[in-house]
Amino acid sequence: MEKRIVIFGATGGTGQELVKQALASGISVTAFARTPQKLKISHNKLKIIQGDVLNYDDVIHAVDQHDVIFCNLGAPASDKSNLRADGTANIVRAMEEKGIKRLICQTSLGYGDSKGVLPWYMKYIIVPFILKNAFQDHELQEVVIEKSQLDWTIVRPGNMTNGEMTGAYKQILKPIERIKLKISRADVAHFMLNQIESNQYHRKKVGISY
């Protein structure tokens, strides 16, 4: 039976890659976006919903009658809100209300138990002064997901680029090995889509990088 998916954050770099790759695989996609005109893709299996992830009514309307939910929420580095965490809380609540179990969420490598992968300049300069808000928001986001009863997988990519899809990347549960700390958005989308039918990372956080 064909899976029906919703992608929150569908107009971001990784979100758009998810939309394109899912459609190419024959999957029916609902793209949820605050500004849907940013998604310049049309397809007979693509439905676009305009909405605000911080509005619960918008979220529960979007997830209804779907099987798998992708969360790729993002915000500018200067944004001091908890958009990712608060939006994800609405997604989790709506999924639990509608009986939808499978959540695949993209966060980031470099905080919590994955902080050790960062080079010194990232750890002591970039994160504290540039990415502090984003990383705190991601950390809260992961807590929301882990407290849920969902069948979740948290995907933590390294620094994302606009490179090609290679399908050749490392999957890291205990991020202690040497990695390049970068990966293309296309490969992040490739990995996330592969989790639809996989139980390998059931209720686990997995890092991916080259």
C-alpha atoms as a PDB file:
ATOM      1  CA  MET A   1       0.000   0.000   0.000  1.00  0.00           C
ATOM      2  CA  GLU A   2       1.383   3.405  -0.972  1.00  0.00           C
ATOM      3  CA  LYS A   3       2.477   5.610   1.913  1.00  0.00           C
ATOM      4  CA  ARG A   4       1.096   9.111   2.151  1.00  0.00           C
ATOM      5  CA  ILE A   5       3.536  11.568   3.669  1.00  0.00           C
ATOM      6  CA  VAL A   6       3.467  15.118   5.023  1.00  0.00           C
ATOM      7  CA  ILE A   7       6.602  17.269   4.937  1.00  0.00           C
ATOM      8  CA  PHE A   8       6.731  20.156   7.416  1.00  0.00           C
ATOM      9  CA  GLY A   9       9.327  22.699   6.360  1.00  0.00           C
ATOM     10  CA  ALA A  10       8.848  21.754   2.725  1.00  0.00           C
ATOM     11  CA  THR A  11      10.251  25.001   1.295  1.00  0.00           C
ATOM     12  CA  GLY A  12      13.638  24.735   3.016  1.00  0.00           C
ATOM     13  CA  GLY A  13      16.648  23.269   1.240  1.00  0.00           C
ATOM     14  CA  THR A  14      16.270  19.757   2.624  1.00  0.00           C
ATOM     15  CA  GLY A  15      12.478  19.943   2.530  1.00  0.00           C
ATOM     16  CA  GLN A  16      12.494  20.658  -1.190  1.00  0.00           C
ATOM     17  CA  GLU A  17      14.892  17.762  -1.779  1.00  0.00           C
ATOM     18  CA  LEU A  18      12.509  15.514   0.168  1.00  0.00           C
ATOM     19  CA  VAL A  19       9.582  16.652  -1.971  1.00  0.00           C
ATOM     20  CA  LYS A  20      11.440  16.052  -5.244  1.00  0.00           C
ATOM     21  CA  GLN A  21      12.878  12.666  -4.286  1.00  0.00           C
ATOM     22  CA  ALA A  22       9.614  11.406  -2.788  1.00  0.00           C
ATOM     23  CA  LEU A  23       7.667  12.351  -5.912  1.00  0.00           C
ATOM     24  CA  ALA A  24      10.307  10.710  -8.096  1.00  0.00           C
ATOM     25  CA  SER A  25       9.760   7.522  -6.066  1.00  0.00           C
ATOM     26  CA  GLY A  26       6.015   7.603  -6.688  1.00  0.00           C
ATOM     27  CA  ILE A  27       5.064   8.690  -3.166  1.00  0.00           C
ATOM     28  CA  SER A  28       2.058  10.955  -2.584  1.00  0.00           C
ATOM     29  CA  VAL A  29       3.307  14.112  -0.866  1.00  0.00           C
ATOM     30  CA  THR A  30       1.588  16.829   1.132  1.00  0.00           C
ATOM     31  CA  ALA A  31       3.917  19.815   1.486  1.00  0.00           C
ATOM     32  CA  PHE A  32       3.168  22.087   4.441  1.00  0.00           C
ATOM     33  CA  ALA A  33       4.571  25.601   4.216  1.00  0.00           C
ATOM     34  CA  ARG A  34       3.968  29.092   5.545  1.00  0.00           C
ATOM     35  CA  THR A  35       4.903  30.527   2.126  1.00  0.00           C
ATOM     36  CA  PRO A  36       3.991  27.828  -0.419  1.00  0.00           C
ATOM     37  CA  GLN A  37       4.957  29.929  -3.446  1.00  0.00           C
ATOM     38  CA  LYS A  38       8.586  29.252  -2.516  1.00  0.00           C
ATOM     39  CA  LEU A  39       8.012  25.638  -3.566  1.00  0.00           C
ATOM     40  CA  LYS A  40       8.297  25.808  -7.328  1.00  0.00           C
ATOM     41  CA  ILE A  41       7.326  22.186  -7.966  1.00  0.00           C
ATOM     42  CA  SER A  42       4.138  20.874  -9.531  1.00  0.00           C
ATOM     43  CA  HIS A  43       3.117  17.223  -9.753  1.00  0.00           C
ATOM     44  CA  ASN A  44      -0.094  15.242  -9.812  1.00  0.00           C
ATOM     45  CA  LYS A  45       0.934  13.517  -6.561  1.00  0.00           C
ATOM     46  CA  LEU A  46       1.812  16.781  -4.777  1.00  0.00           C
ATOM     47  CA  LYS A  47      -0.636  18.646  -2.553  1.00  0.00           C
ATOM     48  CA  ILE A  48       0.515  21.941  -1.050  1.00  0.00           C
ATOM     49  CA  ILE A  49      -1.017  23.245   2.174  1.00  0.00           C
ATOM     50  CA  GLN A  50      -0.417  26.766   3.405  1.00  0.00           C
ATOM     51  CA  GLY A  51      -0.246  26.911   7.168  1.00  0.00           C
ATOM     52  CA  ASP A  52       1.574  27.905  10.325  1.00  0.00           C
ATOM     53  CA  VAL A  53       3.181  25.075  12.278  1.00  0.00           C
ATOM     54  CA  LEU A  54       2.548  27.078  15.461  1.00  0.00           C
ATOM     55  CA  ASN A  55      -1.207  26.926  14.755  1.00  0.00           C
ATOM     56  CA  TYR A  56      -2.463  23.561  16.012  1.00  0.00           C
ATOM     57  CA  ASP A  57      -5.579  23.596  13.832  1.00  0.00           C
ATOM     58  CA  ASP A  58      -3.421  23.995  10.718  1.00  0.00           C
ATOM     59  CA  VAL A  59      -1.192  21.111  11.792  1.00  0.00           C
ATOM     60  CA  ILE A  60      -3.894  18.591  12.657  1.00  0.00           C
ATOM     61  CA  HIS A  61      -5.696  19.365   9.392  1.00  0.00           C
ATOM     62  CA  ALA A  62      -2.483  18.658   7.481  1.00  0.00           C
ATOM     63  CA  VAL A  63      -1.610  15.318   9.107  1.00  0.00           C
ATOM     64  CA  ASP A  64      -5.084  13.799   8.857  1.00  0.00           C
ATOM     65  CA  GLN A  65      -5.260  10.702   6.612  1.00  0.00           C
ATOM     66  CA  HIS A  66      -1.455  10.405   6.273  1.00  0.00           C
ATOM     67  CA  ASP A  67       0.939   7.610   7.226  1.00  0.00           C
ATOM     68  CA  VAL A  68       4.386   9.179   7.737  1.00  0.00           C
ATOM     69  CA  ILE A  69       5.302  12.663   8.924  1.00  0.00           C
ATOM     70  CA  PHE A  70       8.586  14.391   8.096  1.00  0.00           C
ATOM     71  CA  CYS A  71       9.718  17.346  10.168  1.00  0.00           C
ATOM     72  CA  ASN A  72      12.328  19.640   8.616  1.00  0.00           C
ATOM     73  CA  LEU A  73      11.555  22.862  10.432  1.00  0.00           C
ATOM     74  CA  GLY A  74      14.141  25.609  10.235  1.00  0.00           C
ATOM     75  CA  ALA A  75      14.698  29.209  11.241  1.00  0.00           C
ATOM     76  CA  PRO A  76      17.408  31.855  10.750  1.00  0.00           C
ATOM     77  CA  ALA A  77      20.383  31.611  13.115  1.00  0.00           C
ATOM     78  CA  SER A  78      19.369  34.958  14.641  1.00  0.00           C
ATOM     79  CA  ASP A  79      15.860  33.711  15.494  1.00  0.00           C
ATOM     80  CA  LYS A  80      15.500  33.493  19.275  1.00  0.00           C
ATOM     81  CA  SER A  81      12.139  31.723  19.256  1.00  0.00           C
ATOM     82  CA  ASN A  82      11.628  28.021  19.820  1.00  0.00           C
ATOM     83  CA  LEU A  83       9.960  27.528  16.446  1.00  0.00           C
ATOM     84  CA  ARG A  84      11.374  24.019  15.978  1.00  0.00           C
ATOM     85  CA  ALA A  85      10.453  22.799  19.463  1.00  0.00           C
ATOM     86  CA  ASP A  86       7.033  24.442  19.622  1.00  0.00           C
ATOM     87  CA  GLY A  87       6.138  23.451  16.069  1.00  0.00           C
ATOM     88  CA  THR A  88       7.249  19.883  16.704  1.00  0.00           C
ATOM     89  CA  ALA A  89       5.138  19.785  19.871  1.00  0.00           C
ATOM     90  CA  ASN A  90       2.097  20.586  17.721  1.00  0.00           C
ATOM     91  CA  ILE A  91       3.076  17.910  15.195  1.00  0.00           C
ATOM     92  CA  VAL A  92       3.519  15.266  17.914  1.00  0.00           C
ATOM     93  CA  ARG A  93       0.210  16.174  19.568  1.00  0.00           C
ATOM     94  CA  ALA A  94      -1.643  16.036  16.238  1.00  0.00           C
ATOM     95  CA  MET A  95      -0.078  12.690  15.308  1.00  0.00           C
ATOM     96  CA  GLU A  96      -1.026  11.174  18.646  1.00  0.00           C
ATOM     97  CA  GLU A  97      -4.583  12.492  18.322  1.00  0.00           C
ATOM     98  CA  LYS A  98      -4.920  11.039  14.812  1.00  0.00           C
ATOM     99  CA  GLY A  99      -3.184   7.751  15.624  1.00  0.00           C
ATOM    100  CA  ILE A 100      -0.256   8.329  13.239  1.00  0.00           C
ATOM    101  CA  LYS A 101       2.908   6.675  14.533  1.00  0.00           C
ATOM    102  CA  ARG A 102       5.847   7.286  12.187  1.00  0.00           C
ATOM    103  CA  LEU A 103       7.807  10.541  12.618  1.00  0.00           C
ATOM    104  CA  ILE A 104      11.137  11.234  10.895  1.00  0.00           C
ATOM    105  CA  CYS A 105      12.697  14.481  12.081  1.00  0.00           C
ATOM    106  CA  GLN A 106      15.842  16.295  10.984  1.00  0.00           C
ATOM    107  CA  THR A 107      17.806  18.124  13.699  1.00  0.00           C
ATOM    108  CA  SER A 108      21.599  18.581  13.685  1.00  0.00           C
ATOM    109  CA  LEU A 109      24.912  17.138  14.812  1.00  0.00           C
ATOM    110  CA  GLY A 110      26.887  19.075  17.382  1.00  0.00           C
ATOM    111  CA  TYR A 111      25.034  19.345  20.680  1.00  0.00           C
ATOM    112  CA  GLY A 112      24.051  17.066  23.535  1.00  0.00           C
ATOM    113  CA  ASP A 113      25.663  13.654  23.207  1.00  0.00           C
ATOM    114  CA  SER A 114      26.989  14.527  19.741  1.00  0.00           C
ATOM    115  CA  LYS A 115      28.938  17.622  20.816  1.00  0.00           C
ATOM    116  CA  GLY A 116      32.184  15.681  20.690  1.00  0.00           C
ATOM    117  CA  VAL A 117      32.196  15.591  16.878  1.00  0.00           C
ATOM    118  CA  LEU A 118      32.710  19.338  16.608  1.00  0.00           C
ATOM    119  CA  PRO A 119      36.131  20.821  15.829  1.00  0.00           C
ATOM    120  CA  TRP A 120      37.360  23.378  18.372  1.00  0.00           C
ATOM    121  CA  TYR A 121      36.388  26.451  16.325  1.00  0.00           C
ATOM    122  CA  MET A 122      32.809  25.193  16.016  1.00  0.00           C
ATOM    123  CA  LYS A 123      32.610  24.217  19.676  1.00  0.00           C
ATOM    124  CA  TYR A 124      34.028  27.439  21.116  1.00  0.00           C
ATOM    125  CA  ILE A 125      33.288  30.102  18.480  1.00  0.00           C
ATOM    126  CA  ILE A 126      30.594  29.218  15.937  1.00  0.00           C
ATOM    127  CA  VAL A 127      28.116  27.493  18.256  1.00  0.00           C
ATOM    128  CA  PRO A 128      28.263  29.874  21.260  1.00  0.00           C
ATOM    129  CA  PHE A 129      28.141  33.044  19.174  1.00  0.00           C
ATOM    130  CA  ILE A 130      26.234  32.134  15.994  1.00  0.00           C
ATOM    131  CA  LEU A 131      24.337  28.855  16.392  1.00  0.00           C
ATOM    132  CA  LYS A 132      23.504  29.005  20.103  1.00  0.00           C
ATOM    133  CA  ASN A 133      19.788  29.718  19.620  1.00  0.00           C
ATOM    134  CA  ALA A 134      19.340  27.146  16.861  1.00  0.00           C
ATOM    135  CA  PHE A 135      21.105  24.394  18.821  1.00  0.00           C
ATOM    136  CA  GLN A 136      19.113  25.124  21.988  1.00  0.00           C
ATOM    137  CA  ASP A 137      15.920  24.949  19.937  1.00  0.00           C
ATOM    138  CA  HIS A 138      16.974  21.626  18.378  1.00  0.00           C
ATOM    139  CA  GLU A 139      17.787  20.244  21.822  1.00  0.00           C
ATOM    140  CA  LEU A 140      14.320  21.138  23.108  1.00  0.00           C
ATOM    141  CA  GLN A 141      12.840  19.709  19.908  1.00  0.00           C
ATOM    142  CA  GLU A 142      14.494  16.352  20.524  1.00  0.00           C
ATOM    143  CA  VAL A 143      13.189  16.268  24.106  1.00  0.00           C
ATOM    144  CA  VAL A 144       9.629  16.768  22.816  1.00  0.00           C
ATOM    145  CA  ILE A 145      10.036  13.852  20.413  1.00  0.00           C
ATOM    146  CA  GLU A 146      11.701  11.519  22.914  1.00  0.00           C
ATOM    147  CA  LYS A 147       8.885  12.032  25.419  1.00  0.00           C
ATOM    148  CA  SER A 148       6.283  11.002  22.846  1.00  0.00           C
ATOM    149  CA  GLN A 149       4.866   7.541  22.232  1.00  0.00           C
ATOM    150  CA  LEU A 150       5.576   7.797  18.508  1.00  0.00           C
ATOM    151  CA  ASP A 151       7.700   5.555  16.328  1.00  0.00           C
ATOM    152  CA  TRP A 152      10.319   8.238  15.746  1.00  0.00           C
ATOM    153  CA  THR A 153      13.733   8.558  14.153  1.00  0.00           C
ATOM    154  CA  ILE A 154      15.820  11.677  14.714  1.00  0.00           C
ATOM    155  CA  VAL A 155      18.269  12.372  11.886  1.00  0.00           C
ATOM    156  CA  ARG A 156      21.254  14.564  12.776  1.00  0.00           C
ATOM    157  CA  PRO A 157      23.173  15.767   9.698  1.00  0.00           C
ATOM    158  CA  GLY A 158      26.496  17.552   9.711  1.00  0.00           C
ATOM    159  CA  ASN A 159      26.851  20.929   7.994  1.00  0.00           C
ATOM    160  CA  MET A 160      24.565  20.774   4.975  1.00  0.00           C
ATOM    161  CA  THR A 161      25.625  21.727   1.459  1.00  0.00           C
ATOM    162  CA  ASN A 162      23.896  22.010  -1.906  1.00  0.00           C
ATOM    163  CA  GLY A 163      25.942  19.150  -3.369  1.00  0.00           C
ATOM    164  CA  GLU A 164      24.694  16.184  -5.357  1.00  0.00           C
ATOM    165  CA  MET A 165      23.116  13.046  -3.936  1.00  0.00           C
ATOM    166  CA  THR A 166      25.805  10.385  -3.534  1.00  0.00           C
ATOM    167  CA  GLY A 167      24.128   7.781  -1.333  1.00  0.00           C
ATOM    168  CA  ALA A 168      27.568   7.320   0.253  1.00  0.00           C
ATOM    169  CA  TYR A 169      27.610   8.676   3.797  1.00  0.00           C
ATOM    170  CA  LYS A 170      28.341   7.480   7.316  1.00  0.00           C
ATOM    171  CA  GLN A 171      25.559   6.610   9.729  1.00  0.00           C
ATOM    172  CA  ILE A 172      26.640   7.279  13.284  1.00  0.00           C
ATOM    173  CA  LEU A 173      24.878   6.203  16.474  1.00  0.00           C
ATOM    174  CA  LYS A 174      27.860   6.994  18.719  1.00  0.00           C
ATOM    175  CA  PRO A 175      29.551   9.964  17.052  1.00  0.00           C
ATOM    176  CA  ILE A 176      33.130   9.417  18.136  1.00  0.00           C
ATOM    177  CA  GLU A 177      34.776   8.518  14.843  1.00  0.00           C
ATOM    178  CA  ARG A 178      36.436  11.055  12.563  1.00  0.00           C
ATOM    179  CA  ILE A 179      33.974  12.521  10.063  1.00  0.00           C
ATOM    180  CA  LYS A 180      34.009  15.420   7.632  1.00  0.00           C
ATOM    181  CA  LEU A 181      31.028  17.028   9.379  1.00  0.00           C
ATOM    182  CA  LYS A 182      29.342  17.877   6.106  1.00  0.00           C
ATOM    183  CA  ILE A 183      26.706  16.291   3.910  1.00  0.00           C
ATOM    184  CA  SER A 184      24.533  17.423   1.012  1.00  0.00           C
ATOM    185  CA  ARG A 185      20.883  18.204   1.580  1.00  0.00           C
ATOM    186  CA  ALA A 186      20.141  15.733  -1.203  1.00  0.00           C
ATOM    187  CA  ASP A 187      21.824  12.945   0.766  1.00  0.00           C
ATOM    188  CA  VAL A 188      19.996  13.958   3.955  1.00  0.00           C
ATOM    189  CA  ALA A 189      16.706  13.659   2.072  1.00  0.00           C
ATOM    190  CA  HIS A 190      17.808  10.324   0.598  1.00  0.00           C
ATOM    191  CA  PHE A 191      18.529   8.932   4.066  1.00  0.00           C
ATOM    192  CA  MET A 192      15.305  10.269   5.559  1.00  0.00           C
ATOM    193  CA  LEU A 193      13.177   8.743   2.819  1.00  0.00           C
ATOM    194  CA  ASN A 194      14.889   5.395   3.318  1.00  0.00           C
ATOM    195  CA  GLN A 195      13.591   5.391   6.895  1.00  0.00           C
ATOM    196  CA  ILE A 196       9.968   5.086   5.775  1.00  0.00           C
ATOM    197  CA  GLU A 197      10.217   1.309   5.465  1.00  0.00           C
ATOM    198  CA  SER A 198      13.128   0.744   7.867  1.00  0.00           C
ATOM    199  CA  ASN A 199      13.013  -0.095  11.577  1.00  0.00           C
ATOM    200  CA  GLN A 200      16.796   0.112  11.958  1.00  0.00           C
ATOM    201  CA  TYR A 201      16.681   3.406  13.815  1.00  0.00           C
ATOM    202  CA  HIS A 202      13.390   2.944  15.644  1.00  0.00           C
ATOM    203  CA  ARG A 203      13.306   5.493  18.519  1.00  0.00           C
ATOM    204  CA  LYS A 204      16.980   6.339  17.928  1.00  0.00           C
ATOM    205  CA  LYS A 205      19.051   9.422  17.075  1.00  0.00           C
ATOM    206  CA  VAL A 206      21.394   8.853  14.156  1.00  0.00           C
ATOM    207  CA  GLY A 207      24.076  11.175  12.837  1.00  0.00           C
ATOM    208  CA  ILE A 208      24.855  11.260   9.128  1.00  0.00           C
ATOM    209  CA  SER A 209      27.899  12.811   7.505  1.00  0.00           C
ATOM    210  CA  TYR A 210      30.679  12.082   5.017  1.00  0.00           C
END
